[in-house]
């Protein structure tokens, strides 16, 4: 199971300008969370479809499903990178690589 946690914190007692700055600084975290939530929703949808179509999970199909779920469990890592370092190309590449790898595994790269 993947746990994607939204950790937004705004200090109490801020004046209007400080509050506005704190909210602006939290927006990248909120954006990364929203994007990752949408991607995880797609993962969940695809997994339900696969489970419905495959009559039994054993052997190769079980290993394949576990590898796919393992890749999904890594989603919080690139999400955290994206929220903290969105302007760095490597971060964007790591995050962008998450979706094609999941898609490749769900469609057996064909």
N, C-alpha and C. Protein backbone atom coordinates (compact mmCIF):
# COMPACT_ATOMS: atom_id res chain seq x y z
N UNK A 1 0.84 -1.18 0.00
CA UNK A 1 0.00 0.00 0.00
C UNK A 1 0.89 1.24 0.00
N UNK A 2 0.55 2.19 -0.82
CA UNK A 2 1.29 3.44 -0.89
C UNK A 2 0.62 4.46 0.01
N UNK A 3 1.43 5.15 0.77
CA UNK A 3 0.92 6.20 1.63
C UNK A 3 1.54 7.51 1.17
N UNK A 4 0.72 8.37 0.66
CA UNK A 4 1.16 9.68 0.19
C UNK A 4 0.67 10.69 1.22
N UNK A 5 1.59 11.31 1.94
CA UNK A 5 1.23 12.19 3.03
C UNK A 5 1.42 13.65 2.62
N UNK A 6 0.43 14.45 2.90
CA UNK A 6 0.51 15.88 2.64
C UNK A 6 0.90 16.55 3.95
N UNK A 7 2.13 17.04 4.02
CA UNK A 7 2.65 17.64 5.25
C UNK A 7 2.78 19.15 5.06
N UNK A 8 1.67 19.85 5.22
CA UNK A 8 1.67 21.30 5.12
C UNK A 8 1.56 21.88 6.51
N UNK A 9 2.42 22.84 6.79
CA UNK A 9 2.40 23.46 8.10
C UNK A 9 2.60 24.96 7.95
N UNK A 10 1.68 25.73 8.48
CA UNK A 10 1.78 27.18 8.53
C UNK A 10 1.84 27.57 10.01
N UNK A 11 2.90 28.27 10.37
CA UNK A 11 3.07 28.66 11.78
C UNK A 11 1.95 29.59 12.22
N UNK A 12 1.51 29.46 13.45
CA UNK A 12 0.49 30.38 13.97
C UNK A 12 1.10 31.75 14.30
N UNK A 13 0.27 32.76 14.35
CA UNK A 13 0.69 34.08 14.78
C UNK A 13 1.41 34.92 13.74
N UNK A 14 1.27 34.58 12.47
CA UNK A 14 1.93 35.35 11.41
C UNK A 14 1.11 36.58 11.05
N UNK A 15 1.79 37.66 10.69
CA UNK A 15 1.04 38.81 10.18
C UNK A 15 0.63 38.52 8.74
N UNK A 16 -0.07 39.43 8.10
CA UNK A 16 -0.63 39.19 6.77
C UNK A 16 0.44 38.87 5.73
N UNK A 17 1.52 39.64 5.70
CA UNK A 17 2.58 39.39 4.71
C UNK A 17 3.30 38.07 4.95
N UNK A 18 3.58 37.77 6.21
CA UNK A 18 4.24 36.50 6.54
C UNK A 18 3.34 35.32 6.21
N UNK A 19 2.04 35.49 6.49
CA UNK A 19 1.09 34.42 6.18
C UNK A 19 1.02 34.18 4.67
N UNK A 20 0.97 35.27 3.90
CA UNK A 20 0.93 35.15 2.44
C UNK A 20 2.18 34.44 1.92
N UNK A 21 3.34 34.80 2.44
CA UNK A 21 4.59 34.14 2.05
C UNK A 21 4.58 32.66 2.43
N UNK A 22 4.09 32.35 3.61
CA UNK A 22 4.05 30.95 4.07
C UNK A 22 3.14 30.10 3.17
N UNK A 23 2.00 30.68 2.79
CA UNK A 23 1.08 29.96 1.90
C UNK A 23 1.72 29.77 0.53
N UNK A 24 2.38 30.80 0.02
CA UNK A 24 3.07 30.67 -1.28
C UNK A 24 4.16 29.60 -1.23
N UNK A 25 4.86 29.52 -0.13
CA UNK A 25 5.92 28.51 0.01
C UNK A 25 5.34 27.10 0.10
N UNK A 26 4.10 26.98 0.54
CA UNK A 26 3.46 25.66 0.65
C UNK A 26 2.86 25.19 -0.68
N UNK A 27 2.69 26.08 -1.63
CA UNK A 27 2.05 25.72 -2.90
C UNK A 27 2.79 24.62 -3.68
N UNK A 28 4.13 24.62 -3.75
CA UNK A 28 4.79 23.51 -4.45
C UNK A 28 4.48 22.15 -3.82
N UNK A 29 4.40 22.10 -2.49
CA UNK A 29 4.05 20.84 -1.82
C UNK A 29 2.64 20.40 -2.20
N UNK A 30 1.73 21.35 -2.20
CA UNK A 30 0.34 21.05 -2.56
C UNK A 30 0.24 20.60 -4.01
N UNK A 31 0.96 21.27 -4.90
CA UNK A 31 0.95 20.89 -6.31
C UNK A 31 1.53 19.50 -6.54
N UNK A 32 2.66 19.19 -5.88
CA UNK A 32 3.26 17.86 -6.02
C UNK A 32 2.32 16.79 -5.48
N UNK A 33 1.65 17.09 -4.37
CA UNK A 33 0.70 16.14 -3.81
C UNK A 33 -0.46 15.89 -4.78
N UNK A 34 -1.02 16.96 -5.34
CA UNK A 34 -2.16 16.82 -6.26
C UNK A 34 -1.78 16.01 -7.50
N UNK A 35 -0.60 16.31 -8.05
CA UNK A 35 -0.15 15.58 -9.23
C UNK A 35 0.07 14.10 -8.90
N UNK A 36 0.72 13.82 -7.79
CA UNK A 36 0.97 12.44 -7.39
C UNK A 36 -0.32 11.71 -7.04
N UNK A 37 -1.27 12.41 -6.44
CA UNK A 37 -2.56 11.78 -6.15
C UNK A 37 -3.25 11.35 -7.44
N UNK A 38 -3.21 12.21 -8.44
CA UNK A 38 -3.83 11.87 -9.73
C UNK A 38 -3.13 10.66 -10.37
N UNK A 39 -1.81 10.62 -10.28
CA UNK A 39 -1.07 9.48 -10.83
C UNK A 39 -1.39 8.21 -10.06
N UNK A 40 -1.43 8.29 -8.74
CA UNK A 40 -1.76 7.11 -7.92
C UNK A 40 -3.19 6.64 -8.19
N UNK A 41 -4.10 7.57 -8.44
CA UNK A 41 -5.48 7.18 -8.78
C UNK A 41 -5.48 6.37 -10.08
N UNK A 42 -4.65 6.78 -11.04
CA UNK A 42 -4.52 6.01 -12.28
C UNK A 42 -3.91 4.64 -12.04
N UNK A 43 -2.91 4.58 -11.16
CA UNK A 43 -2.31 3.28 -10.81
C UNK A 43 -3.38 2.36 -10.23
N UNK A 44 -4.16 2.89 -9.29
CA UNK A 44 -5.19 2.11 -8.62
C UNK A 44 -6.22 1.60 -9.63
N UNK A 45 -6.64 2.50 -10.52
CA UNK A 45 -7.61 2.12 -11.56
C UNK A 45 -7.06 0.99 -12.43
N UNK A 46 -5.82 1.15 -12.89
CA UNK A 46 -5.20 0.13 -13.73
C UNK A 46 -5.05 -1.20 -13.00
N UNK A 47 -4.66 -1.13 -11.73
CA UNK A 47 -4.48 -2.36 -10.96
C UNK A 47 -5.81 -3.10 -10.81
N UNK A 48 -6.87 -2.37 -10.54
CA UNK A 48 -8.19 -3.02 -10.44
C UNK A 48 -8.58 -3.70 -11.75
N UNK A 49 -8.28 -3.05 -12.87
CA UNK A 49 -8.57 -3.63 -14.17
C UNK A 49 -7.77 -4.91 -14.39
N UNK A 50 -6.49 -4.86 -14.07
CA UNK A 50 -5.63 -6.04 -14.24
C UNK A 50 -6.12 -7.19 -13.37
N UNK A 51 -6.46 -6.90 -12.13
CA UNK A 51 -6.93 -7.95 -11.22
C UNK A 51 -8.21 -8.58 -11.75
N UNK A 52 -9.07 -7.78 -12.35
CA UNK A 52 -10.31 -8.31 -12.92
C UNK A 52 -10.05 -9.21 -14.13
N UNK A 53 -9.04 -8.85 -14.93
CA UNK A 53 -8.78 -9.57 -16.17
C UNK A 53 -7.96 -10.84 -15.99
N UNK A 54 -7.14 -10.90 -14.95
CA UNK A 54 -6.28 -12.07 -14.73
C UNK A 54 -7.01 -13.03 -13.79
N UNK A 55 -7.28 -14.26 -14.27
CA UNK A 55 -8.06 -15.19 -13.45
C UNK A 55 -7.35 -15.64 -12.17
N UNK A 56 -6.02 -15.82 -12.24
CA UNK A 56 -5.27 -16.26 -11.05
C UNK A 56 -3.91 -15.56 -11.04
N UNK A 57 -3.52 -15.15 -9.85
CA UNK A 57 -2.20 -14.57 -9.68
C UNK A 57 -1.29 -15.61 -9.05
N UNK A 58 -0.41 -16.14 -9.87
CA UNK A 58 0.59 -17.08 -9.37
C UNK A 58 1.76 -17.07 -10.36
N UNK A 59 2.89 -17.50 -9.91
CA UNK A 59 4.06 -17.58 -10.77
C UNK A 59 4.45 -16.23 -11.34
N UNK A 60 4.57 -16.17 -12.66
CA UNK A 60 5.03 -14.96 -13.34
C UNK A 60 4.07 -13.79 -13.11
N UNK A 61 2.78 -14.04 -13.20
CA UNK A 61 1.83 -12.93 -13.03
C UNK A 61 1.90 -12.35 -11.62
N UNK A 62 2.12 -13.18 -10.62
CA UNK A 62 2.25 -12.70 -9.25
C UNK A 62 3.52 -11.88 -9.09
N UNK A 63 4.64 -12.36 -9.62
CA UNK A 63 5.89 -11.60 -9.53
C UNK A 63 5.77 -10.27 -10.27
N UNK A 64 5.15 -10.29 -11.43
CA UNK A 64 4.93 -9.07 -12.20
C UNK A 64 4.09 -8.07 -11.40
N UNK A 65 3.01 -8.52 -10.80
CA UNK A 65 2.14 -7.65 -10.02
C UNK A 65 2.88 -7.09 -8.80
N UNK A 66 3.70 -7.89 -8.16
CA UNK A 66 4.45 -7.41 -7.00
C UNK A 66 5.51 -6.38 -7.40
N UNK A 67 6.16 -6.57 -8.54
CA UNK A 67 7.13 -5.58 -9.02
C UNK A 67 6.41 -4.26 -9.33
N UNK A 68 5.25 -4.35 -9.95
CA UNK A 68 4.47 -3.17 -10.30
C UNK A 68 4.04 -2.42 -9.04
N UNK A 69 3.55 -3.16 -8.05
CA UNK A 69 3.15 -2.53 -6.79
C UNK A 69 4.36 -1.95 -6.06
N UNK A 70 5.51 -2.61 -6.17
CA UNK A 70 6.73 -2.08 -5.58
C UNK A 70 7.12 -0.75 -6.20
N UNK A 71 6.95 -0.62 -7.50
CA UNK A 71 7.25 0.65 -8.18
C UNK A 71 6.28 1.75 -7.70
N UNK A 72 5.05 1.38 -7.50
CA UNK A 72 4.06 2.34 -7.02
C UNK A 72 4.41 2.82 -5.61
N UNK A 73 4.95 1.93 -4.81
CA UNK A 73 5.32 2.30 -3.44
C UNK A 73 6.43 3.35 -3.40
N UNK A 74 7.15 3.51 -4.50
CA UNK A 74 8.22 4.52 -4.55
C UNK A 74 7.71 5.92 -4.87
N UNK A 75 6.44 6.08 -5.19
CA UNK A 75 5.89 7.38 -5.60
C UNK A 75 6.16 8.49 -4.58
N UNK A 76 6.06 8.27 -3.27
CA UNK A 76 6.33 9.38 -2.34
C UNK A 76 7.73 9.99 -2.46
N UNK A 77 8.73 9.21 -2.86
CA UNK A 77 10.08 9.75 -2.98
C UNK A 77 10.18 10.82 -4.07
N UNK A 78 9.81 10.53 -5.33
CA UNK A 78 9.89 11.60 -6.32
C UNK A 78 8.92 12.75 -6.04
N UNK A 79 7.83 12.46 -5.33
CA UNK A 79 6.91 13.53 -4.95
C UNK A 79 7.59 14.51 -4.00
N UNK A 80 8.30 13.98 -3.01
CA UNK A 80 9.03 14.84 -2.07
C UNK A 80 10.12 15.63 -2.80
N UNK A 81 10.82 14.97 -3.73
CA UNK A 81 11.84 15.68 -4.51
C UNK A 81 11.22 16.82 -5.30
N UNK A 82 10.09 16.54 -5.94
CA UNK A 82 9.44 17.55 -6.77
C UNK A 82 8.99 18.75 -5.94
N UNK A 83 8.48 18.51 -4.75
CA UNK A 83 8.00 19.63 -3.94
C UNK A 83 9.15 20.47 -3.41
N UNK A 84 10.32 19.89 -3.20
CA UNK A 84 11.45 20.64 -2.66
C UNK A 84 12.39 21.21 -3.72
N UNK A 85 12.56 20.49 -4.83
CA UNK A 85 13.56 20.86 -5.83
C UNK A 85 12.98 20.89 -7.25
N UNK A 86 11.81 21.45 -7.41
CA UNK A 86 11.11 21.42 -8.70
C UNK A 86 11.88 22.11 -9.83
N UNK A 87 12.73 23.05 -9.50
CA UNK A 87 13.44 23.80 -10.54
C UNK A 87 14.67 23.05 -11.07
N UNK A 88 15.02 21.94 -10.47
CA UNK A 88 16.21 21.20 -10.90
C UNK A 88 15.84 20.13 -11.92
N UNK A 89 16.53 20.10 -13.04
CA UNK A 89 16.18 19.15 -14.11
C UNK A 89 16.21 17.69 -13.67
N UNK A 90 17.16 17.30 -12.83
CA UNK A 90 17.22 15.90 -12.39
C UNK A 90 15.96 15.51 -11.63
N UNK A 91 15.46 16.42 -10.81
CA UNK A 91 14.23 16.14 -10.06
C UNK A 91 13.06 15.91 -11.01
N UNK A 92 12.93 16.75 -12.00
CA UNK A 92 11.84 16.61 -12.97
C UNK A 92 12.00 15.30 -13.74
N UNK A 93 13.23 14.94 -14.07
CA UNK A 93 13.48 13.68 -14.79
C UNK A 93 13.11 12.47 -13.93
N UNK A 94 13.47 12.51 -12.65
CA UNK A 94 13.13 11.40 -11.74
C UNK A 94 11.62 11.27 -11.63
N UNK A 95 10.94 12.40 -11.43
CA UNK A 95 9.49 12.36 -11.31
C UNK A 95 8.83 11.89 -12.60
N UNK A 96 9.31 12.43 -13.72
CA UNK A 96 8.74 12.05 -15.01
C UNK A 96 9.00 10.58 -15.33
N UNK A 97 10.11 10.04 -14.89
CA UNK A 97 10.42 8.63 -15.12
C UNK A 97 9.52 7.68 -14.36
N UNK A 98 8.89 8.18 -13.31
CA UNK A 98 8.00 7.34 -12.50
C UNK A 98 6.81 6.85 -13.31
N UNK A 99 6.18 7.72 -14.09
CA UNK A 99 4.98 7.35 -14.81
C UNK A 99 5.24 6.38 -15.96
N UNK A 100 6.24 6.63 -16.81
CA UNK A 100 6.49 5.67 -17.89
C UNK A 100 6.88 4.28 -17.38
N UNK A 101 7.62 4.21 -16.28
CA UNK A 101 8.00 2.89 -15.76
C UNK A 101 6.77 2.13 -15.30
N UNK A 102 5.83 2.82 -14.68
CA UNK A 102 4.60 2.17 -14.24
C UNK A 102 3.78 1.76 -15.45
N UNK A 103 3.70 2.64 -16.44
CA UNK A 103 2.93 2.33 -17.64
C UNK A 103 3.55 1.16 -18.38
N UNK A 104 4.86 1.15 -18.49
CA UNK A 104 5.57 0.06 -19.15
C UNK A 104 5.26 -1.27 -18.48
N UNK A 105 5.33 -1.28 -17.14
CA UNK A 105 5.08 -2.52 -16.41
C UNK A 105 3.63 -2.95 -16.54
N UNK A 106 2.69 -1.98 -16.54
CA UNK A 106 1.29 -2.37 -16.61
C UNK A 106 0.90 -2.87 -17.98
N UNK A 107 1.69 -2.49 -19.01
CA UNK A 107 1.37 -2.93 -20.37
C UNK A 107 2.44 -3.85 -20.91
N UNK A 108 3.32 -4.31 -20.05
CA UNK A 108 4.43 -5.22 -20.42
C UNK A 108 5.30 -4.64 -21.52
N UNK A 109 5.43 -3.30 -21.52
CA UNK A 109 6.33 -2.60 -22.46
C UNK A 109 6.07 -2.95 -23.90
N UNK A 110 4.85 -3.21 -24.27
CA UNK A 110 4.56 -3.56 -25.66
C UNK A 110 3.77 -2.51 -26.37
